[in-house]
Amino acid sequence: AIVAHFTPDADPVRKVTIVPRGRALGVMM
C-alpha cells in the first residue's frame, strides 16, 4: 500500500486489510 500510494500514476489504493484471505495474510486492493 505504501509503495502503491507513493508511486506516480499507480492505480489508486481502494482498500487495505490485515484480515487473512486465502494464503495471503492481508490484502491491498
All heavy atoms as atom14 arrays in JSON, in Angstrom:
{
  "sequence": "AIVAHFTPDADPVRKVTIVPRGRALGVMM",
  "atom14_mask": [
    [1, 1, 1, 1, 1, 0, 0, 0, 0, 0, 0, 0, 0, 0],
    [1, 1, 1, 1, 1, 1, 1, 1, 0, 0, 0, 0, 0, 0],
    [1, 1, 1, 1, 1, 1, 1, 0, 0, 0, 0, 0, 0, 0],
    [1, 1, 1, 1, 1, 0, 0, 0, 0, 0, 0, 0, 0, 0],
    [1, 1, 1, 1, 1, 1, 1, 1, 1, 1, 0, 0, 0, 0],
    [1, 1, 1, 1, 1, 1, 1, 1, 1, 1, 1, 0, 0, 0],
    [1, 1, 1, 1, 1, 1, 1, 0, 0, 0, 0, 0, 0, 0],
    [1, 1, 1, 1, 1, 1, 1, 0, 0, 0, 0, 0, 0, 0],
    [1, 1, 1, 1, 1, 1, 1, 1, 0, 0, 0, 0, 0, 0],
    [1, 1, 1, 1, 1, 0, 0, 0, 0, 0, 0, 0, 0, 0],
    [1, 1, 1, 1, 1, 1, 1, 1, 0, 0, 0, 0, 0, 0],
    [1, 1, 1, 1, 1, 1, 1, 0, 0, 0, 0, 0, 0, 0],
    [1, 1, 1, 1, 1, 1, 1, 0, 0, 0, 0, 0, 0, 0],
    [1, 1, 1, 1, 1, 1, 1, 1, 1, 1, 1, 0, 0, 0],
    [1, 1, 1, 1, 1, 1, 1, 1, 1, 0, 0, 0, 0, 0],
    [1, 1, 1, 1, 1, 1, 1, 0, 0, 0, 0, 0, 0, 0],
    [1, 1, 1, 1, 1, 1, 1, 0, 0, 0, 0, 0, 0, 0],
    [1, 1, 1, 1, 1, 1, 1, 1, 0, 0, 0, 0, 0, 0],
    [1, 1, 1, 1, 1, 1, 1, 0, 0, 0, 0, 0, 0, 0],
    [1, 1, 1, 1, 1, 1, 1, 0, 0, 0, 0, 0, 0, 0],
    [1, 1, 1, 1, 1, 1, 1, 1, 1, 1, 1, 0, 0, 0],
    [1, 1, 1, 1, 0, 0, 0, 0, 0, 0, 0, 0, 0, 0],
    [1, 1, 1, 1, 1, 1, 1, 1, 1, 1, 1, 0, 0, 0],
    [1, 1, 1, 1, 1, 0, 0, 0, 0, 0, 0, 0, 0, 0],
    [1, 1, 1, 1, 1, 1, 1, 1, 0, 0, 0, 0, 0, 0],
    [1, 1, 1, 1, 0, 0, 0, 0, 0, 0, 0, 0, 0, 0],
    [1, 1, 1, 1, 1, 1, 1, 0, 0, 0, 0, 0, 0, 0],
    [1, 1, 1, 1, 1, 1, 1, 1, 0, 0, 0, 0, 0, 0],
    [1, 1, 1, 1, 1, 1, 1, 1, 0, 0, 0, 0, 0, 0]
  ],
  "atom14_positions": [
    [[0.82, -1.21, 0.0], [0.0, 0.0, 0.0], [0.86, 1.26, 0.0], [0.54, 2.23, -0.71], [-0.94, 0.0, 1.21], [0.0, 0.0, 0.0], [0.0, 0.0, 0.0], [0.0, 0.0, 0.0], [0.0, 0.0, 0.0], [0.0, 0.0, 0.0], [0.0, 0.0, 0.0], [0.0, 0.0, 0.0], [0.0, 0.0, 0.0], [0.0, 0.0, 0.0]],
    [[1.93, 1.26, 0.77], [2.82, 2.43, 0.81], [3.45, 2.65, -0.55], [3.47, 3.77, -1.08], [3.91, 2.26, 1.9], [3.28, 2.24, 3.3], [4.98, 3.35, 1.79], [2.63, 3.54, 3.71], [0.0, 0.0, 0.0], [0.0, 0.0, 0.0], [0.0, 0.0, 0.0], [0.0, 0.0, 0.0], [0.0, 0.0, 0.0], [0.0, 0.0, 0.0]],
    [[3.98, 1.59, -1.15], [4.62, 1.73, -2.46], [3.59, 2.17, -3.51], [3.86, 3.05, -4.32], [5.34, 0.43, -2.87], [5.94, 0.57, -4.28], [6.46, 0.1, -1.87], [0.0, 0.0, 0.0], [0.0, 0.0, 0.0], [0.0, 0.0, 0.0], [0.0, 0.0, 0.0], [0.0, 0.0, 0.0], [0.0, 0.0, 0.0], [0.0, 0.0, 0.0]],
    [[2.4, 1.57, -3.47], [1.36, 1.96, -4.44], [0.97, 3.42, -4.28], [0.83, 4.15, -5.26], [0.13, 1.06, -4.27], [0.0, 0.0, 0.0], [0.0, 0.0, 0.0], [0.0, 0.0, 0.0], [0.0, 0.0, 0.0], [0.0, 0.0, 0.0], [0.0, 0.0, 0.0], [0.0, 0.0, 0.0], [0.0, 0.0, 0.0], [0.0, 0.0, 0.0]],
    [[0.81, 3.84, -3.03], [0.37, 5.21, -2.76], [1.4, 6.24, -3.22], [1.04, 7.33, -3.67], [0.09, 5.38, -1.27], [-0.59, 6.66, -0.91], [-1.94, 6.84, -1.11], [-0.12, 7.8, -0.39], [-2.27, 8.07, -0.72], [-1.18, 8.67, -0.27], [0.0, 0.0, 0.0], [0.0, 0.0, 0.0], [0.0, 0.0, 0.0], [0.0, 0.0, 0.0]],
    [[2.68, 5.89, -3.11], [3.74, 6.84, -3.42], [4.45, 6.56, -4.74], [5.55, 7.04, -4.97], [4.74, 6.91, -2.26], [4.14, 7.53, -1.02], [3.81, 6.76, 0.08], [3.87, 8.89, -0.97], [3.24, 7.32, 1.21], [3.3, 9.47, 0.15], [2.99, 8.68, 1.25], [0.0, 0.0, 0.0], [0.0, 0.0, 0.0], [0.0, 0.0, 0.0]],
    [[3.81, 5.79, -5.61], [4.34, 5.55, -6.96], [3.53, 6.38, -7.94], [2.3, 6.23, -8.0], [4.25, 4.05, -7.33], [5.12, 3.32, -6.46], [4.67, 3.81, -8.77], [0.0, 0.0, 0.0], [0.0, 0.0, 0.0], [0.0, 0.0, 0.0], [0.0, 0.0, 0.0], [0.0, 0.0, 0.0], [0.0, 0.0, 0.0], [0.0, 0.0, 0.0]],
    [[4.19, 7.27, -8.7], [3.45, 8.11, -9.65], [2.63, 7.27, -10.63], [3.1, 6.26, -11.16], [4.56, 8.87, -10.39], [5.71, 8.86, -9.44], [5.62, 7.56, -8.7], [0.0, 0.0, 0.0], [0.0, 0.0, 0.0], [0.0, 0.0, 0.0], [0.0, 0.0, 0.0], [0.0, 0.0, 0.0], [0.0, 0.0, 0.0], [0.0, 0.0, 0.0]],
    [[1.4, 7.68, -10.83], [0.48, 7.08, -11.79], [0.08, 5.63, -11.49], [-0.44, 4.94, -12.35], [1.03, 7.18, -13.22], [1.09, 8.63, -13.69], [0.23, 9.42, -13.25], [2.0, 8.96, -14.46], [0.0, 0.0, 0.0], [0.0, 0.0, 0.0], [0.0, 0.0, 0.0], [0.0, 0.0, 0.0], [0.0, 0.0, 0.0], [0.0, 0.0, 0.0]],
    [[0.34, 5.17, -10.27], [-0.15, 3.84, -9.9], [-1.66, 3.9, -9.77], [-2.24, 4.96, -9.49], [0.48, 3.4, -8.58], [0.0, 0.0, 0.0], [0.0, 0.0, 0.0], [0.0, 0.0, 0.0], [0.0, 0.0, 0.0], [0.0, 0.0, 0.0], [0.0, 0.0, 0.0], [0.0, 0.0, 0.0], [0.0, 0.0, 0.0], [0.0, 0.0, 0.0]],
    [[-2.29, 2.77, -9.96], [-3.74, 2.7, -9.74], [-4.01, 3.04, -8.27], [-3.24, 2.65, -7.39], [-4.25, 1.3, -10.06], [-4.11, 0.96, -11.54], [-4.25, 1.87, -12.37], [-3.85, -0.22, -11.85], [0.0, 0.0, 0.0], [0.0, 0.0, 0.0], [0.0, 0.0, 0.0], [0.0, 0.0, 0.0], [0.0, 0.0, 0.0], [0.0, 0.0, 0.0]],
    [[-5.1, 3.74, -7.99], [-5.4, 4.14, -6.61], [-5.61, 2.95, -5.68], [-6.18, 1.93, -6.08], [-6.69, 4.94, -6.74], [-6.78, 5.34, -8.17], [-6.06, 4.28, -8.95], [0.0, 0.0, 0.0], [0.0, 0.0, 0.0], [0.0, 0.0, 0.0], [0.0, 0.0, 0.0], [0.0, 0.0, 0.0], [0.0, 0.0, 0.0], [0.0, 0.0, 0.0]],
    [[-5.13, 3.11, -4.46], [-5.37, 2.11, -3.42], [-6.83, 2.25, -3.0], [-7.26, 3.32, -2.57], [-4.43, 2.33, -2.21], [-4.77, 1.37, -1.08], [-2.97, 2.2, -2.64], [0.0, 0.0, 0.0], [0.0, 0.0, 0.0], [0.0, 0.0, 0.0], [0.0, 0.0, 0.0], [0.0, 0.0, 0.0], [0.0, 0.0, 0.0], [0.0, 0.0, 0.0]],
    [[-7.58, 1.17, -3.12], [-9.01, 1.2, -2.78], [-9.28, 0.64, -1.38], [-10.19, 1.09, -0.71], [-9.83, 0.41, -3.79], [-9.73, 0.92, -5.2], [-10.31, 2.29, -5.34], [-10.22, 2.72, -6.74], [-10.57, 3.89, -7.17], [-11.03, 4.78, -6.34], [-10.44, 4.2, -8.43], [0.0, 0.0, 0.0], [0.0, 0.0, 0.0], [0.0, 0.0, 0.0]],
    [[-8.48, -0.35, -0.97], [-8.71, -0.97, 0.33], [-7.42, -1.66, 0.77], [-6.69, -2.22, -0.04], [-9.83, -1.99, 0.24], [-10.21, -2.6, 1.58], [-11.26, -3.68, 1.43], [-12.63, -3.08, 1.26], [-13.71, -4.07, 1.31], [0.0, 0.0, 0.0], [0.0, 0.0, 0.0], [0.0, 0.0, 0.0], [0.0, 0.0, 0.0], [0.0, 0.0, 0.0]],
    [[-7.19, -1.62, 2.07], [-6.07, -2.34, 2.69], [-6.64, -3.07, 3.89], [-7.38, -2.48, 4.68], [-4.95, -1.38, 3.16], [-3.77, -2.16, 3.71], [-4.51, -0.45, 2.05], [0.0, 0.0, 0.0], [0.0, 0.0, 0.0], [0.0, 0.0, 0.0], [0.0, 0.0, 0.0], [0.0, 0.0, 0.0], [0.0, 0.0, 0.0], [0.0, 0.0, 0.0]],
    [[-6.29, -4.35, 4.03], [-6.78, -5.1, 5.17], [-5.71, -6.07, 5.67], [-4.88, -6.53, 4.89], [-8.08, -5.88, 4.82], [-8.53, -6.56, 5.99], [-7.86, -6.88, 3.7], [0.0, 0.0, 0.0], [0.0, 0.0, 0.0], [0.0, 0.0, 0.0], [0.0, 0.0, 0.0], [0.0, 0.0, 0.0], [0.0, 0.0, 0.0], [0.0, 0.0, 0.0]],
    [[-5.76, -6.33, 6.97], [-4.9, -7.35, 7.54], [-5.69, -8.62, 7.84], [-5.18, -9.56, 8.43], [-4.17, -6.86, 8.81], [-5.15, -6.38, 9.87], [-3.14, -5.8, 8.45], [-4.53, -6.06, 11.22], [0.0, 0.0, 0.0], [0.0, 0.0, 0.0], [0.0, 0.0, 0.0], [0.0, 0.0, 0.0], [0.0, 0.0, 0.0], [0.0, 0.0, 0.0]],
    [[-6.94, -8.65, 7.4], [-7.75, -9.85, 7.54], [-7.24, -10.86, 6.51], [-7.2, -10.56, 5.31], [-9.25, -9.56, 7.31], [-10.08, -10.83, 7.37], [-9.75, -8.53, 8.32], [0.0, 0.0, 0.0], [0.0, 0.0, 0.0], [0.0, 0.0, 0.0], [0.0, 0.0, 0.0], [0.0, 0.0, 0.0], [0.0, 0.0, 0.0], [0.0, 0.0, 0.0]],
    [[-6.82, -12.04, 6.96], [-6.29, -13.03, 6.01], [-7.31, -13.43, 4.95], [-8.49, -13.57, 5.23], [-5.94, -14.23, 6.9], [-5.83, -13.67, 8.27], [-6.78, -12.51, 8.33], [0.0, 0.0, 0.0], [0.0, 0.0, 0.0], [0.0, 0.0, 0.0], [0.0, 0.0, 0.0], [0.0, 0.0, 0.0], [0.0, 0.0, 0.0], [0.0, 0.0, 0.0]],
    [[-6.83, -13.57, 3.71], [-7.66, -14.0, 2.59], [-6.91, -15.15, 1.9], [-5.87, -14.92, 1.3], [-7.86, -12.89, 1.56], [-8.45, -11.62, 2.12], [-9.97, -11.68, 2.07], [-10.55, -10.38, 2.3], [-11.19, -10.06, 3.4], [-11.32, -10.91, 4.37], [-11.73, -8.87, 3.54], [0.0, 0.0, 0.0], [0.0, 0.0, 0.0], [0.0, 0.0, 0.0]],
    [[-7.42, -16.36, 1.99], [-6.73, -17.5, 1.39], [-5.37, -17.66, 2.03], [-5.24, -17.68, 3.25], [0.0, 0.0, 0.0], [0.0, 0.0, 0.0], [0.0, 0.0, 0.0], [0.0, 0.0, 0.0], [0.0, 0.0, 0.0], [0.0, 0.0, 0.0], [0.0, 0.0, 0.0], [0.0, 0.0, 0.0], [0.0, 0.0, 0.0], [0.0, 0.0, 0.0]],
    [[-4.33, -17.7, 1.2], [-2.97, -17.84, 1.7], [-2.34, -16.49, 2.06], [-1.28, -16.44, 2.65], [-2.11, -18.56, 0.68], [-2.53, -20.02, 0.52], [-1.76, -20.75, -0.54], [-0.33, -20.53, -0.43], [0.54, -21.0, -1.27], [0.15, -21.73, -2.3], [1.83, -20.76, -1.13], [0.0, 0.0, 0.0], [0.0, 0.0, 0.0], [0.0, 0.0, 0.0]],
    [[-3.0, -15.4, 1.66], [-2.48, -14.06, 1.94], [-2.78, -13.68, 3.39], [-3.87, -13.92, 3.89], [-3.1, -13.04, 1.0], [0.0, 0.0, 0.0], [0.0, 0.0, 0.0], [0.0, 0.0, 0.0], [0.0, 0.0, 0.0], [0.0, 0.0, 0.0], [0.0, 0.0, 0.0], [0.0, 0.0, 0.0], [0.0, 0.0, 0.0], [0.0, 0.0, 0.0]],
    [[-1.82, -13.07, 4.04], [-2.0, -12.63, 5.42], [-2.72, -11.29, 5.49], [-3.13, -10.86, 6.55], [-0.65, -12.55, 6.12], [0.1, -13.88, 6.2], [1.47, -13.67, 6.83], [-0.7, -14.9, 6.97], [0.0, 0.0, 0.0], [0.0, 0.0, 0.0], [0.0, 0.0, 0.0], [0.0, 0.0, 0.0], [0.0, 0.0, 0.0], [0.0, 0.0, 0.0]],
    [[-2.87, -10.65, 4.38], [-3.55, -9.38, 4.26], [-3.62, -9.04, 2.78], [-2.99, -9.7, 1.96], [0.0, 0.0, 0.0], [0.0, 0.0, 0.0], [0.0, 0.0, 0.0], [0.0, 0.0, 0.0], [0.0, 0.0, 0.0], [0.0, 0.0, 0.0], [0.0, 0.0, 0.0], [0.0, 0.0, 0.0], [0.0, 0.0, 0.0], [0.0, 0.0, 0.0]],
    [[-4.38, -8.01, 2.44], [-4.59, -7.69, 1.04], [-4.61, -6.18, 0.85], [-5.16, -5.45, 1.68], [-5.93, -8.29, 0.53], [-6.19, -7.9, -0.91], [-5.94, -9.8, 0.68], [0.0, 0.0, 0.0], [0.0, 0.0, 0.0], [0.0, 0.0, 0.0], [0.0, 0.0, 0.0], [0.0, 0.0, 0.0], [0.0, 0.0, 0.0], [0.0, 0.0, 0.0]],
    [[-4.01, -5.73, -0.24], [-4.12, -4.34, -0.67], [-4.77, -4.4, -2.05], [-4.29, -5.1, -2.93], [-2.73, -3.7, -0.76], [-2.73, -2.22, -1.1], [-2.74, -1.75, -2.85], [-1.32, -2.58, -3.5], [0.0, 0.0, 0.0], [0.0, 0.0, 0.0], [0.0, 0.0, 0.0], [0.0, 0.0, 0.0], [0.0, 0.0, 0.0], [0.0, 0.0, 0.0]],
    [[-5.88, -3.69, -2.21], [-6.59, -3.71, -3.49], [-6.46, -2.36, -4.17], [-6.6, -1.32, -3.54], [-8.06, -4.06, -3.28], [-8.25, -5.49, -2.82], [-9.98, -5.95, -2.71], [-10.38, -5.27, -1.12], [0.0, 0.0, 0.0], [0.0, 0.0, 0.0], [0.0, 0.0, 0.0], [0.0, 0.0, 0.0], [0.0, 0.0, 0.0], [0.0, 0.0, 0.0]]
  ]
}
